[in-house]
Amino acid sequence: MEATIEVAGLRKRFGPTVALDGMSFAVAPGQVTGFVGPNGAGKSTTMRVILGLDAADAGSALVGGRPYRSLARPLTRVGSLLDAGALQPSRSGRNHLLWLAHSQGLGARRVSEVLEQAGLASMARRRAGGYSLGMRQRLGIAAALLGDPPVLLMDEPFNGMDPEGIVWMRGFLRSLAAEGRAVLVSSHLMSELQDAADHLVVVGRGRVIADTTVVELILAASGDRVTVRTLALPPAATVLEQAGAAVAATGPDTLAVSGLSADRVVRLLGAADVPFSEVAAHRVSLEEAYMELTRDAVQFRASASAGPAGSASRGVAR
């Protein structure tokens, strides 16, 4: 089966609430695609529609060119982790996976393999109800991998992971994509996606805001701003302004420059014999780029604190 996810024009209402408003994007094989947006943006609903758990009012969601409900032995086509708590707590981790494997015609050997992949082999015979959240996440990942599917969907897989688990998860997601799988990951942890994802689909209020690579999004948000450190502020400012740049002093030895690339700044200052100690292109983090992009799509925002210091602010929906 072709390793793709194709979402086209999805629309979904829950009563008066519009959850999806023309959601459209595609997930290509061989890369990790981050699926990000504020709470209420439609990420979980979209994933549920892809997996046939919710029905869309309009539009389509295809996995390998086919709707999920038409897939035979679906765990061999699509693996998913939506809710790490969706298990029978009295069963051991191994028995939980054996039950799922049996439903797809898979054997015990495959269960052992995914337990090893997920780092749970030593905990496999413990009751799943006693697992920590991070361990339940690993069990959910093992379940998603049972059928060795070409397509994977994971909702907040970093949730509950300790630092070692987060590092493992980043590398694991990249390794899955390197095998040619299409990997869609929803997460609020931008710092983790910056190191794990190749592509980003940013959503807000039920529709796509941006569909681009991580690198391109960061570059676009960073703009053409350059920081210059020099003890010759007035001469440096004059040279750069004459070249068409906007220049502002941000410290006793620092200039913020926009309108020129870092390479051009270096050439101009060098040609004018103006000394400098540093010229650095400004780069925002993925989190900063995301916050700027979704600023007007946030539906739930805390109000500014009013009243005596220490009083709790009340959340308001917007």
Protein backbone atom coordinates (compact mmCIF):
# COMPACT_ATOMS: atom_id res chain seq x y z
CA MET A 1 0.00 0.00 0.00
CA GLU A 2 1.19 3.51 -0.81
CA ALA A 3 2.37 5.26 2.36
CA THR A 4 0.30 8.44 2.21
CA ILE A 5 -2.43 10.29 4.06
CA GLU A 6 -4.64 12.62 2.02
CA VAL A 7 -7.13 14.93 3.70
CA ALA A 8 -9.34 17.02 1.39
CA GLY A 9 -11.97 19.56 2.36
CA LEU A 10 -12.98 17.99 5.67
CA ARG A 11 -15.90 19.68 7.38
CA LYS A 12 -17.34 18.64 10.73
CA ARG A 13 -19.75 20.19 13.20
CA PHE A 14 -20.59 19.14 16.73
CA GLY A 15 -23.89 20.93 17.25
CA PRO A 16 -23.22 24.67 16.84
CA THR A 17 -19.44 24.19 17.05
CA VAL A 18 -17.43 24.06 13.82
CA ALA A 19 -14.61 21.58 14.42
CA LEU A 20 -13.33 21.29 10.85
CA ASP A 21 -13.76 23.98 8.24
CA GLY A 22 -12.30 22.70 4.98
CA MET A 23 -9.24 20.93 6.44
CA SER A 24 -6.92 19.86 3.61
CA PHE A 25 -3.34 18.54 3.61
CA ALA A 26 -1.25 15.52 2.62
CA VAL A 27 1.35 13.46 4.49
CA ALA A 28 4.11 12.09 2.29
CA PRO A 29 6.17 8.95 2.87
CA GLY A 30 9.70 9.12 4.22
CA GLN A 31 9.23 12.05 6.56
CA VAL A 32 7.82 13.01 9.94
CA THR A 33 5.00 15.53 9.54
CA GLY A 34 4.18 17.57 12.63
CA PHE A 35 0.48 18.38 13.07
CA VAL A 36 0.23 21.43 15.33
CA GLY A 37 -2.23 24.04 16.42
CA PRO A 38 -3.89 25.53 19.51
CA ASN A 39 -6.39 23.60 21.62
CA GLY A 40 -9.64 23.31 19.70
CA ALA A 41 -7.94 23.71 16.31
CA GLY A 42 -9.28 20.38 15.02
CA LYS A 43 -6.21 18.14 15.25
CA SER A 44 -7.76 15.28 17.22
CA THR A 45 -10.99 15.43 15.23
CA THR A 46 -9.02 15.21 11.98
CA MET A 47 -7.12 12.16 13.22
CA ARG A 48 -10.35 10.51 14.33
CA VAL A 49 -11.89 11.11 10.90
CA ILE A 50 -8.82 9.63 9.18
CA LEU A 51 -9.18 6.52 11.36
CA GLY A 52 -12.93 6.21 10.80
CA LEU A 53 -13.80 6.97 14.43
CA ASP A 54 -15.74 10.10 13.47
CA ALA A 55 -17.65 10.71 10.25
CA ALA A 56 -17.04 13.96 8.41
CA ASP A 57 -19.98 16.06 7.22
CA ALA A 58 -18.09 16.70 3.96
CA GLY A 59 -14.72 16.01 2.37
CA SER A 60 -12.54 12.91 2.38
CA ALA A 61 -9.70 11.34 4.33
CA LEU A 62 -7.74 8.60 2.56
CA VAL A 63 -4.92 6.32 3.65
CA GLY A 64 -2.97 4.97 0.72
CA GLY A 65 -5.75 6.20 -1.55
CA ARG A 66 -8.51 4.39 0.36
CA PRO A 67 -10.84 5.23 3.26
CA TYR A 68 -9.92 3.51 6.52
CA ARG A 69 -13.20 1.58 6.72
CA SER A 70 -12.35 -0.26 3.46
CA LEU A 71 -9.00 -1.56 4.70
CA ALA A 72 -8.65 -5.27 5.39
CA ARG A 73 -6.55 -6.04 8.49
CA PRO A 74 -6.20 -2.30 9.16
CA LEU A 75 -3.36 -2.60 11.69
CA THR A 76 -1.15 -3.83 8.85
CA ARG A 77 -1.96 -0.63 6.91
CA VAL A 78 -2.22 2.06 9.57
CA GLY A 79 -0.85 2.21 13.11
CA SER A 80 -2.16 4.79 15.55
CA LEU A 81 -1.68 6.10 19.07
CA LEU A 82 -4.53 8.39 20.09
CA ASP A 83 -5.10 7.51 23.75
CA ALA A 84 -2.42 5.78 25.82
CA GLY A 85 -5.05 4.95 28.44
CA ALA A 86 -7.16 2.84 26.05
CA LEU A 87 -6.29 -0.54 27.56
CA GLN A 88 -7.63 -3.15 29.97
CA PRO A 89 -5.71 -2.36 33.20
CA SER A 90 -5.88 -5.93 34.54
CA ARG A 91 -4.07 -7.34 31.51
CA SER A 92 -0.30 -7.45 31.27
CA GLY A 93 1.30 -5.34 28.58
CA ARG A 94 2.12 -8.49 26.65
CA ASN A 95 -1.43 -9.85 26.85
CA HIS A 96 -2.82 -6.50 25.72
CA LEU A 97 -0.69 -6.76 22.58
CA LEU A 98 -1.45 -10.47 22.09
CA TRP A 99 -5.18 -9.65 22.06
CA LEU A 100 -4.65 -6.98 19.40
CA ALA A 101 -2.32 -9.21 17.39
CA HIS A 102 -4.85 -12.07 17.39
CA SER A 103 -7.50 -9.73 15.92
CA GLN A 104 -5.23 -9.15 12.93
CA GLY A 105 -3.93 -12.66 12.44
CA LEU A 106 -0.50 -11.79 13.87
CA GLY A 107 1.53 -14.11 16.07
CA ALA A 108 3.26 -13.91 19.44
CA ARG A 109 6.66 -13.45 17.80
CA ARG A 110 5.59 -10.07 16.44
CA VAL A 111 4.42 -9.06 19.92
CA SER A 112 7.88 -9.81 21.31
CA GLU A 113 9.49 -7.77 18.53
CA VAL A 114 7.45 -4.61 19.14
CA LEU A 115 7.89 -4.85 22.90
CA GLU A 116 11.63 -4.84 22.29
CA GLN A 117 11.35 -1.91 19.85
CA ALA A 118 9.37 0.12 22.35
CA GLY A 119 11.75 -0.65 25.23
CA LEU A 120 9.14 -2.56 27.23
CA ALA A 121 10.48 -6.13 27.07
CA SER A 122 11.44 -6.17 30.76
CA MET A 123 8.01 -4.82 31.81
CA ALA A 124 5.90 -6.92 29.45
CA ARG A 125 4.39 -9.23 32.09
CA ARG A 126 3.41 -6.48 34.52
CA ARG A 127 -0.22 -5.36 34.69
CA ALA A 128 -0.72 -2.46 32.31
CA GLY A 129 -2.84 -0.67 34.91
CA GLY A 130 0.33 -0.19 36.97
CA TYR A 131 2.29 1.40 34.12
CA SER A 132 3.35 5.04 34.35
CA LEU A 133 2.07 7.40 31.64
CA GLY A 134 5.38 7.14 29.81
CA MET A 135 5.21 3.34 29.88
CA ARG A 136 1.62 3.43 28.61
CA GLN A 137 2.80 5.64 25.77
CA ARG A 138 5.43 3.05 24.88
CA LEU A 139 2.80 0.30 25.01
CA GLY A 140 0.61 2.34 22.67
CA ILE A 141 3.54 2.77 20.29
CA ALA A 142 4.16 -1.00 20.38
CA ALA A 143 0.49 -1.55 19.51
CA ALA A 144 0.73 0.91 16.61
CA LEU A 145 3.71 -1.02 15.22
CA LEU A 146 2.17 -4.49 15.53
CA GLY A 147 1.20 -4.81 11.86
CA ASP A 148 4.41 -3.15 10.61
CA PRO A 149 2.23 -0.51 8.88
CA PRO A 150 3.46 1.95 6.24
CA VAL A 151 1.40 4.77 7.81
CA LEU A 152 1.49 5.94 11.44
CA LEU A 153 -0.56 8.53 13.33
CA MET A 154 0.44 9.57 16.85
CA ASP A 155 -1.32 12.10 19.08
CA GLU A 156 0.98 13.66 21.72
CA PRO A 157 3.47 10.75 21.84
CA PHE A 158 5.91 12.78 23.99
CA ASN A 159 3.33 13.21 26.76
CA GLY A 160 4.51 11.67 30.03
CA MET A 161 7.96 10.78 28.70
CA ASP A 162 10.99 11.42 30.89
CA PRO A 163 14.05 13.12 29.29
CA GLU A 164 15.52 9.78 28.22
CA GLY A 165 12.19 8.79 26.72
CA ILE A 166 11.88 12.09 24.82
CA VAL A 167 15.32 11.66 23.28
CA TRP A 168 14.43 8.07 22.36
CA MET A 169 11.10 9.16 20.84
CA ARG A 170 12.70 11.81 18.64
CA GLY A 171 15.17 9.32 17.19
CA PHE A 172 12.52 6.61 16.91
CA LEU A 173 10.15 8.81 14.88
CA ARG A 174 12.98 9.76 12.52
CA SER A 175 13.97 6.10 12.11
CA LEU A 176 10.38 5.14 11.21
CA ALA A 177 10.26 7.83 8.54
CA ALA A 178 13.70 6.77 7.23
CA GLU A 179 12.16 3.36 6.49
CA GLY A 180 9.79 5.08 4.03
CA ARG A 181 6.74 5.34 6.29
CA ALA A 182 4.38 8.31 6.40
CA VAL A 183 4.42 9.54 10.02
CA LEU A 184 1.90 12.13 11.28
CA VAL A 185 2.59 13.43 14.81
CA SER A 186 0.39 15.83 16.73
CA SER A 187 2.16 17.59 19.59
CA HIS A 188 2.19 20.81 21.60
CA LEU A 189 5.93 20.43 22.30
CA MET A 190 7.49 22.58 19.57
CA SER A 191 11.00 22.02 20.90
CA GLU A 192 10.63 18.29 20.31
CA LEU A 193 9.10 18.67 16.86
CA GLN A 194 11.87 21.06 15.84
CA ASP A 195 14.31 18.16 16.26
CA ALA A 196 12.01 15.38 15.02
CA ALA A 197 9.81 16.71 12.21
CA ASP A 198 10.70 17.46 8.60
CA HIS A 199 7.39 19.03 7.63
CA LEU A 200 4.68 20.93 9.50
CA VAL A 201 0.96 21.32 9.04
CA VAL A 202 -0.15 24.22 11.24
CA VAL A 203 -3.90 24.46 11.86
CA GLY A 204 -6.28 26.83 13.60
CA ARG A 205 -10.06 27.05 13.89
CA GLY A 206 -10.54 23.92 11.79
CA ARG A 207 -8.44 24.87 8.79
CA VAL A 208 -4.82 24.82 7.63
CA ILE A 209 -2.81 27.98 8.35
CA ALA A 210 0.54 26.77 6.99
CA ASP A 211 1.81 23.67 5.21
CA THR A 212 5.59 23.89 4.93
CA THR A 213 8.94 22.50 6.06
CA VAL A 214 10.26 23.24 9.53
CA VAL A 215 13.26 25.05 8.02
CA GLU A 216 11.13 27.25 5.76
CA LEU A 217 8.77 28.20 8.58
CA ILE A 218 11.63 29.25 10.85
CA LEU A 219 13.34 31.22 8.08
CA ALA A 220 10.11 33.02 7.18
CA ALA A 221 9.45 33.94 10.81
CA SER A 222 13.04 35.04 11.36
CA GLY A 223 12.87 37.54 8.51
CA ASP A 224 16.03 39.27 7.36
CA ARG A 225 17.07 40.60 10.75
CA VAL A 226 20.78 40.68 11.61
CA THR A 227 22.56 41.48 14.87
CA VAL A 228 25.85 43.38 14.66
CA ARG A 229 28.25 43.82 17.57
CA THR A 230 30.75 46.65 17.14
CA LEU A 231 32.46 49.35 19.18
CA ALA A 232 32.06 51.69 16.19
CA LEU A 233 28.27 52.08 16.31
CA PRO A 234 27.85 55.43 14.47
CA PRO A 235 30.13 54.56 11.50
CA ALA A 236 28.60 51.08 11.21
CA ALA A 237 25.07 52.48 11.31
CA THR A 238 25.91 55.05 8.65
CA VAL A 239 27.38 52.47 6.26
CA LEU A 240 24.43 50.12 6.62
CA GLU A 241 21.78 52.84 6.35
CA GLN A 242 23.39 54.13 3.15
CA ALA A 243 22.99 50.60 1.77
CA GLY A 244 19.25 50.73 2.45
CA ALA A 245 19.05 48.93 5.79
CA ALA A 246 16.90 49.90 8.77
CA VAL A 247 19.25 50.16 11.76
CA ALA A 248 18.51 50.50 15.48
CA ALA A 249 20.90 50.49 18.43
CA THR A 250 19.80 47.83 20.93
CA GLY A 251 22.78 48.12 23.30
CA PRO A 252 26.03 50.01 23.83
CA ASP A 253 27.77 47.81 21.26
CA THR A 254 24.85 46.21 19.40
CA LEU A 255 22.86 47.11 16.29
CA ALA A 256 19.70 45.43 15.02
CA VAL A 257 19.72 45.52 11.23
CA SER A 258 16.91 44.61 8.83
CA GLY A 259 16.83 44.71 5.05
CA LEU A 260 20.26 43.19 4.46
CA SER A 261 21.59 39.64 4.70
CA ALA A 262 24.34 38.79 7.17
CA ASP A 263 26.79 38.20 4.29
CA ARG A 264 26.03 41.61 2.80
CA VAL A 265 26.51 43.30 6.18
CA VAL A 266 29.92 41.66 6.55
CA ARG A 267 30.98 42.78 3.06
CA LEU A 268 29.80 46.35 3.58
CA LEU A 269 31.50 46.80 6.95
CA GLY A 270 34.70 45.16 5.69
CA ALA A 271 34.83 47.37 2.61
CA ALA A 272 34.37 50.48 4.79
CA ASP A 273 37.04 49.33 7.29
CA VAL A 274 34.51 49.44 10.14
CA PRO A 275 35.57 46.99 12.87
CA PHE A 276 33.06 44.51 14.26
CA SER A 277 33.21 41.46 16.53
CA GLU A 278 30.04 39.64 15.45
CA VAL A 279 27.48 39.55 12.66
CA ALA A 280 24.70 37.00 13.22
CA ALA A 281 21.49 36.30 11.34
CA HIS A 282 18.53 36.34 13.71
CA ARG A 283 16.83 32.95 14.01
CA VAL A 284 13.67 32.34 15.99
CA SER A 285 12.84 28.98 17.51
CA LEU A 286 10.05 26.84 16.10
CA GLU A 287 8.01 27.71 19.19
CA GLU A 288 8.40 31.44 18.49
CA ALA A 289 7.47 30.96 14.83
CA TYR A 290 4.44 28.88 15.82
CA MET A 291 3.24 31.42 18.41
CA GLU A 292 3.40 34.23 15.87
CA LEU A 293 1.62 32.21 13.20
CA THR A 294 -1.23 31.03 15.46
CA ARG A 295 -1.66 34.23 17.47
CA ASP A 296 -5.10 34.95 15.98
CA ALA A 297 -6.23 31.31 16.02
CA VAL A 298 -6.14 30.77 19.79
CA GLN A 299 -9.65 30.10 21.10
CA PHE A 300 -8.86 29.76 24.81
CA ARG A 301 -6.76 32.47 26.42
CA ALA A 302 -6.28 33.48 30.05
CA SER A 303 -7.23 37.04 30.87
CA ALA A 304 -4.79 39.46 32.43
CA SER A 305 -4.82 39.28 36.21
CA ALA A 306 -7.04 41.89 37.82
CA GLY A 307 -7.30 42.89 41.43
CA PRO A 308 -4.82 42.35 44.27
CA ALA A 309 -1.50 40.69 43.56
CA GLY A 310 -1.68 36.93 43.83
CA SER A 311 -5.35 36.69 42.85
CA ALA A 312 -6.14 34.04 40.28
CA SER A 313 -6.94 35.14 36.73
CA ARG A 314 -10.06 33.73 35.18
CA GLY A 315 -9.83 31.91 31.81
CA VAL A 316 -11.95 33.36 29.03
CA ALA A 317 -12.84 31.82 25.68
CA ARG A 318 -12.07 33.90 22.62
